Amino acid sequence: MYSAIARAKTDLEKVIFVGFADLWEVFPSGKKVGARIPLSRNWWWLWDVVERLIRVASVARITRLLQLNSTGTALERTPGLTPITLFDGGFCQDPSLLDTTAIADLRLNRTESHSPGKTFFVHVRRGDYLSHPSKEYPAAITHSWFTHHIKKLGKRFPEARFLVFSDDVEYCHKHFSTLERVSVVDAPLSESFHAMSHCDGGILSASSLSWWGAYLASTHATGPFIAPRYWIRWPESRWDDPGIEKSDFLEWAVVPQGSSDAHEA
């Protein structure tokens, strides 16, 4: 039996795409078991220790790494003596990683909305983004930016409704529940992601979950899909990964400086 270890700081966001990447096909046939080990923010240092140990052991080919190849278009596993494998896939925001057959099946099972207007998802990521990529320039965006675009889309599409998904539902209830035609969704991550991928458009955080939800939705909907310009580096007004900028299904919207949500309740 092979054991895969994947890092995920908020609700397994970083590995949500693994199902589409067909991760388990990388491993030999046999029993495959997945387990989630939740760690509170105070214990994240423990994962850092475990990760470093596995990486050091992988150099000596004791453990294995599952990572993107040099072109960033496929997953590959390094050799190792033990079945312990660290998933190190990076952002993996590349459509070539998708299992197109699985996506086709997903589309066949799509439940059509009975709403007379468009349905937009609003993904508000907080969690580790309150201090990531750095405490000086956290990527969490204030609720006012999302509210601005909800109202803007509401005027453009008068019958539109908005579904808010977040790793901080209490925060979203506080700031979005009073808005017209806005519902805060408290559901398991898999169901939230499924719902996002079926929406007609979206307002994104700078996260992989938002990106994949919008990408999959864009295969059947015209959008718009609004994302923070400069993605995770919006506080610094610079691109961290030029490849993200080429996501032609997204509409980039500037986030005003001083809009960080790092200290907002």
Protein backbone atom coordinates (compact mmCIF):
# COMPACT_ATOMS: atom_id res chain seq x y z
CA MET A 1 0.00 0.00 0.00
CA TYR A 2 1.31 3.45 -0.93
CA SER A 3 0.76 6.41 1.38
CA ALA A 4 0.40 9.90 -0.10
CA ILE A 5 0.82 12.96 2.11
CA ALA A 6 -0.57 16.25 0.81
CA ARG A 7 -0.36 19.62 2.50
CA ALA A 8 -3.58 21.64 2.78
CA LYS A 9 -3.89 24.60 5.13
CA THR A 10 -7.58 25.26 4.53
CA ASP A 11 -10.21 22.60 3.89
CA LEU A 12 -8.03 20.59 1.51
CA GLU A 13 -8.14 23.41 -1.03
CA LYS A 14 -4.74 22.59 -2.44
CA VAL A 15 -5.69 19.03 -3.26
CA ILE A 16 -9.24 19.52 -4.52
CA PHE A 17 -7.96 19.28 -8.08
CA VAL A 18 -6.24 15.97 -7.45
CA GLY A 19 -9.40 14.05 -8.31
CA PHE A 20 -9.35 15.59 -11.77
CA ALA A 21 -5.62 15.00 -12.10
CA ASP A 22 -6.29 11.31 -11.42
CA LEU A 23 -3.62 11.25 -8.74
CA TRP A 24 -4.04 7.65 -7.71
CA GLU A 25 -3.25 6.37 -11.18
CA VAL A 26 0.36 7.39 -10.47
CA PHE A 27 0.54 4.64 -7.86
CA PRO A 28 0.57 0.86 -8.49
CA SER A 29 -2.72 -0.94 -8.12
CA GLY A 30 -3.72 -1.97 -4.62
CA LYS A 31 -5.43 -0.62 -1.56
CA LYS A 32 -5.55 3.18 -1.44
CA VAL A 33 -6.54 4.95 1.74
CA GLY A 34 -7.01 8.68 2.32
CA ALA A 35 -7.20 10.42 5.68
CA ARG A 36 -7.51 14.03 6.75
CA ILE A 37 -5.48 15.22 9.71
CA PRO A 38 -6.76 18.68 10.71
CA LEU A 39 -4.21 21.02 12.24
CA SER A 40 -5.12 24.31 13.86
CA ARG A 41 -3.11 27.40 12.97
CA ASN A 42 -1.06 27.02 16.18
CA TRP A 43 0.18 23.62 15.04
CA TRP A 44 1.15 24.38 11.46
CA TRP A 45 4.80 24.37 12.50
CA LEU A 46 4.45 20.62 13.09
CA TRP A 47 3.68 20.07 9.43
CA ASP A 48 6.73 22.16 8.48
CA VAL A 49 8.90 19.76 10.48
CA VAL A 50 7.31 16.67 8.90
CA GLU A 51 7.57 18.15 5.42
CA ARG A 52 11.26 18.95 5.80
CA LEU A 53 12.00 15.46 7.09
CA ILE A 54 10.22 13.85 4.13
CA ARG A 55 12.01 16.14 1.66
CA VAL A 56 15.42 15.33 3.15
CA ALA A 57 14.61 11.62 3.05
CA SER A 58 13.51 11.93 -0.59
CA VAL A 59 16.98 13.18 -1.55
CA ALA A 60 18.36 9.89 -0.20
CA ARG A 61 15.53 8.09 -2.04
CA ILE A 62 14.02 6.82 1.18
CA THR A 63 10.70 8.62 0.65
CA ARG A 64 9.09 9.79 -2.57
CA LEU A 65 7.82 13.06 -4.03
CA LEU A 66 4.79 13.43 -6.27
CA GLN A 67 5.25 16.64 -8.21
CA LEU A 68 4.72 18.43 -11.50
CA ASN A 69 7.14 17.55 -14.26
CA SER A 70 9.46 20.14 -15.77
CA THR A 71 6.81 21.38 -18.20
CA GLY A 72 4.13 21.65 -15.51
CA THR A 73 1.68 19.56 -17.52
CA ALA A 74 1.72 16.21 -15.70
CA LEU A 75 2.35 14.65 -12.30
CA GLU A 76 5.30 12.34 -11.77
CA ARG A 77 6.55 10.33 -8.81
CA THR A 78 10.21 10.12 -7.82
CA PRO A 79 11.69 6.75 -6.78
CA GLY A 80 12.02 5.79 -3.12
CA LEU A 81 12.46 2.78 -0.85
CA THR A 82 9.37 3.40 1.31
CA PRO A 83 5.71 3.90 0.31
CA ILE A 84 5.59 7.37 1.93
CA THR A 85 5.02 10.00 -0.74
CA LEU A 86 4.82 13.77 -0.31
CA PHE A 87 2.49 15.49 -2.76
CA ASP A 88 4.31 18.61 -3.92
CA GLY A 89 2.20 19.76 -6.85
CA GLY A 90 2.47 23.51 -6.44
CA PHE A 91 -0.54 25.46 -7.67
CA CYS A 92 -1.35 23.04 -10.51
CA GLN A 93 -3.50 25.62 -12.28
CA ASP A 94 -3.14 23.98 -15.68
CA PRO A 95 -6.11 22.58 -17.64
CA SER A 96 -3.89 19.85 -19.13
CA LEU A 97 -3.96 18.14 -15.71
CA LEU A 98 -7.69 17.53 -15.95
CA ASP A 99 -9.24 14.14 -16.49
CA THR A 100 -11.42 15.15 -19.44
CA THR A 101 -13.51 11.98 -19.23
CA ALA A 102 -14.38 12.71 -15.60
CA ILE A 103 -15.28 16.28 -16.53
CA ALA A 104 -17.55 15.06 -19.32
CA ASP A 105 -19.32 12.75 -16.86
CA LEU A 106 -19.68 15.66 -14.43
CA ARG A 107 -21.31 17.75 -17.13
CA LEU A 108 -23.76 14.96 -17.99
CA ASN A 109 -24.85 14.89 -14.34
CA ARG A 110 -25.19 18.65 -14.11
CA THR A 111 -28.37 19.88 -12.46
CA GLU A 112 -29.78 22.84 -14.33
CA SER A 113 -30.73 25.90 -12.30
CA HIS A 114 -34.37 26.96 -12.26
CA SER A 115 -33.43 30.54 -11.46
CA PRO A 116 -34.66 32.99 -14.11
CA GLY A 117 -31.34 34.84 -14.01
CA LYS A 118 -27.67 34.03 -13.73
CA THR A 119 -26.21 32.40 -10.63
CA PHE A 120 -22.80 33.66 -9.50
CA PHE A 121 -20.50 32.11 -6.94
CA VAL A 122 -18.55 34.34 -4.57
CA HIS A 123 -15.52 32.61 -3.07
CA VAL A 124 -14.12 34.36 0.00
CA ARG A 125 -10.90 32.78 1.16
CA ARG A 126 -9.52 33.71 4.56
CA GLY A 127 -7.77 31.04 6.69
CA ASP A 128 -4.05 31.02 5.93
CA TYR A 129 -4.50 33.98 3.56
CA LEU A 130 -4.71 36.25 6.59
CA SER A 131 -0.92 35.92 6.76
CA HIS A 132 0.02 34.42 3.38
CA PRO A 133 2.09 34.89 1.28
CA SER A 134 3.50 37.14 4.01
CA LYS A 135 2.29 38.98 7.10
CA GLU A 136 3.22 42.24 5.41
CA TYR A 137 1.26 41.48 2.23
CA PRO A 138 -1.55 39.02 3.08
CA ALA A 139 -3.75 37.86 0.20
CA ALA A 140 -7.10 37.92 2.04
CA ILE A 141 -9.35 40.56 0.48
CA THR A 142 -11.76 42.74 2.44
CA HIS A 143 -15.49 42.06 2.20
CA SER A 144 -16.05 45.51 0.68
CA TRP A 145 -14.32 44.45 -2.58
CA PHE A 146 -16.64 41.47 -2.94
CA THR A 147 -19.67 43.58 -2.02
CA HIS A 148 -18.71 46.15 -4.66
CA HIS A 149 -18.66 43.52 -7.40
CA ILE A 150 -21.81 41.80 -6.15
CA LYS A 151 -23.70 45.10 -6.44
CA LYS A 152 -22.08 45.88 -9.79
CA LEU A 153 -23.11 42.51 -11.23
CA GLY A 154 -26.54 42.90 -9.62
CA LYS A 155 -27.13 46.06 -11.64
CA ARG A 156 -25.82 44.42 -14.82
CA PHE A 157 -27.95 41.29 -14.28
CA PRO A 158 -31.06 42.38 -12.30
CA GLU A 159 -32.32 38.82 -11.70
CA ALA A 160 -28.95 37.37 -10.71
CA ARG A 161 -28.44 35.54 -7.44
CA PHE A 162 -25.17 35.07 -5.56
CA LEU A 163 -23.94 32.06 -3.57
CA VAL A 164 -21.14 32.81 -1.11
CA PHE A 165 -18.66 30.02 -0.33
CA SER A 166 -15.90 30.44 2.24
CA ASP A 167 -13.67 28.79 4.82
CA ASP A 168 -15.09 31.34 7.28
CA VAL A 169 -18.87 31.06 7.10
CA GLU A 170 -19.45 33.12 10.24
CA TYR A 171 -17.52 36.04 8.74
CA CYS A 172 -19.55 35.84 5.53
CA HIS A 173 -22.87 35.72 7.38
CA LYS A 174 -21.84 38.89 9.16
CA HIS A 175 -20.91 40.81 6.03
CA PHE A 176 -23.05 39.41 3.18
CA SER A 177 -26.32 38.04 4.59
CA THR A 178 -28.11 41.40 4.42
CA LEU A 179 -27.36 41.89 0.72
CA GLU A 180 -30.19 41.34 -1.73
CA ARG A 181 -30.31 37.95 -3.50
CA VAL A 182 -27.19 36.75 -1.65
CA SER A 183 -27.03 33.42 0.18
CA VAL A 184 -24.14 32.20 2.32
CA VAL A 185 -23.61 28.48 1.73
CA ASP A 186 -22.40 26.26 4.57
CA ALA A 187 -21.62 22.94 2.86
CA PRO A 188 -18.81 20.37 2.61
CA LEU A 189 -15.95 21.42 0.35
CA SER A 190 -16.71 18.84 -2.35
CA GLU A 191 -20.33 20.02 -2.62
CA SER A 192 -19.26 23.68 -2.63
CA PHE A 193 -16.75 23.06 -5.40
CA HIS A 194 -19.33 21.14 -7.40
CA ALA A 195 -21.81 24.00 -7.04
CA MET A 196 -19.22 26.61 -8.01
CA SER A 197 -18.34 24.70 -11.17
CA HIS A 198 -22.02 24.81 -12.20
CA CYS A 199 -22.51 28.56 -11.76
CA ASP A 200 -22.88 31.04 -14.59
CA GLY A 201 -20.13 33.35 -13.33
CA GLY A 202 -18.16 34.16 -10.23
CA ILE A 203 -16.23 36.55 -8.05
CA LEU A 204 -12.96 34.93 -7.07
CA SER A 205 -10.39 35.02 -4.34
CA ALA A 206 -6.79 34.46 -5.43
CA SER A 207 -6.94 30.74 -4.74
CA SER A 208 -6.70 27.44 -6.59
CA LEU A 209 -10.24 26.52 -5.56
CA SER A 210 -11.59 29.72 -7.12
CA TRP A 211 -9.53 29.24 -10.27
CA TRP A 212 -10.64 25.67 -10.88
CA GLY A 213 -14.25 26.44 -10.04
CA ALA A 214 -14.24 29.29 -12.56
CA TYR A 215 -12.36 27.30 -15.18
CA LEU A 216 -14.81 24.41 -15.05
CA ALA A 217 -17.80 26.76 -15.00
CA SER A 218 -16.40 28.61 -18.03
CA THR A 219 -16.67 25.41 -20.10
CA HIS A 220 -20.46 25.83 -20.13
CA ALA A 221 -21.07 29.47 -19.07
CA THR A 222 -20.08 32.88 -20.41
CA GLY A 223 -19.39 34.49 -17.05
CA PRO A 224 -18.16 36.98 -16.18
CA PHE A 225 -15.59 35.53 -13.79
CA ILE A 226 -14.01 38.40 -11.87
CA ALA A 227 -10.64 37.88 -10.21
CA PRO A 228 -8.21 40.13 -8.32
CA ARG A 229 -5.61 41.55 -10.67
CA TYR A 230 -2.09 40.32 -9.84
CA TRP A 231 -3.72 37.29 -8.16
CA ILE A 232 -2.09 36.40 -4.84
CA ARG A 233 0.34 39.34 -5.15
CA TRP A 234 -2.37 41.97 -5.51
CA PRO A 235 -1.14 43.89 -2.40
CA GLU A 236 2.20 44.39 -4.18
CA SER A 237 0.71 45.09 -7.63
CA ARG A 238 2.89 42.49 -9.33
CA TRP A 239 2.41 39.06 -10.86
CA ASP A 240 3.91 36.14 -8.99
CA ASP A 241 3.17 33.62 -11.75
CA PRO A 242 2.87 35.13 -15.26
CA GLY A 243 0.96 32.03 -16.35
CA ILE A 244 -2.02 33.01 -14.22
CA GLU A 245 -2.33 36.27 -16.15
CA LYS A 246 -2.99 34.25 -19.31
CA SER A 247 -6.23 32.77 -17.88
CA ASP A 248 -8.39 34.18 -20.66
CA PHE A 249 -11.67 33.14 -19.01
CA LEU A 250 -11.09 35.63 -16.17
CA GLU A 251 -11.80 39.36 -15.98
CA TRP A 252 -9.15 41.09 -13.90
CA ALA A 253 -10.29 43.70 -11.39
CA VAL A 254 -7.96 45.90 -9.40
CA VAL A 255 -8.09 45.54 -5.62
CA PRO A 256 -7.49 48.97 -4.04
CA GLN A 257 -4.42 49.19 -1.84
CA GLY A 258 -5.30 48.93 1.83
CA SER A 259 -8.00 46.34 1.11
CA SER A 260 -6.31 43.53 3.02
CA ASP A 261 -8.55 41.57 5.34
CA ALA A 262 -5.78 40.38 7.63
CA HIS A 263 -7.03 42.14 10.74
CA GLU A 264 -10.74 42.31 10.02
CA ALA A 265 -13.27 40.22 11.93
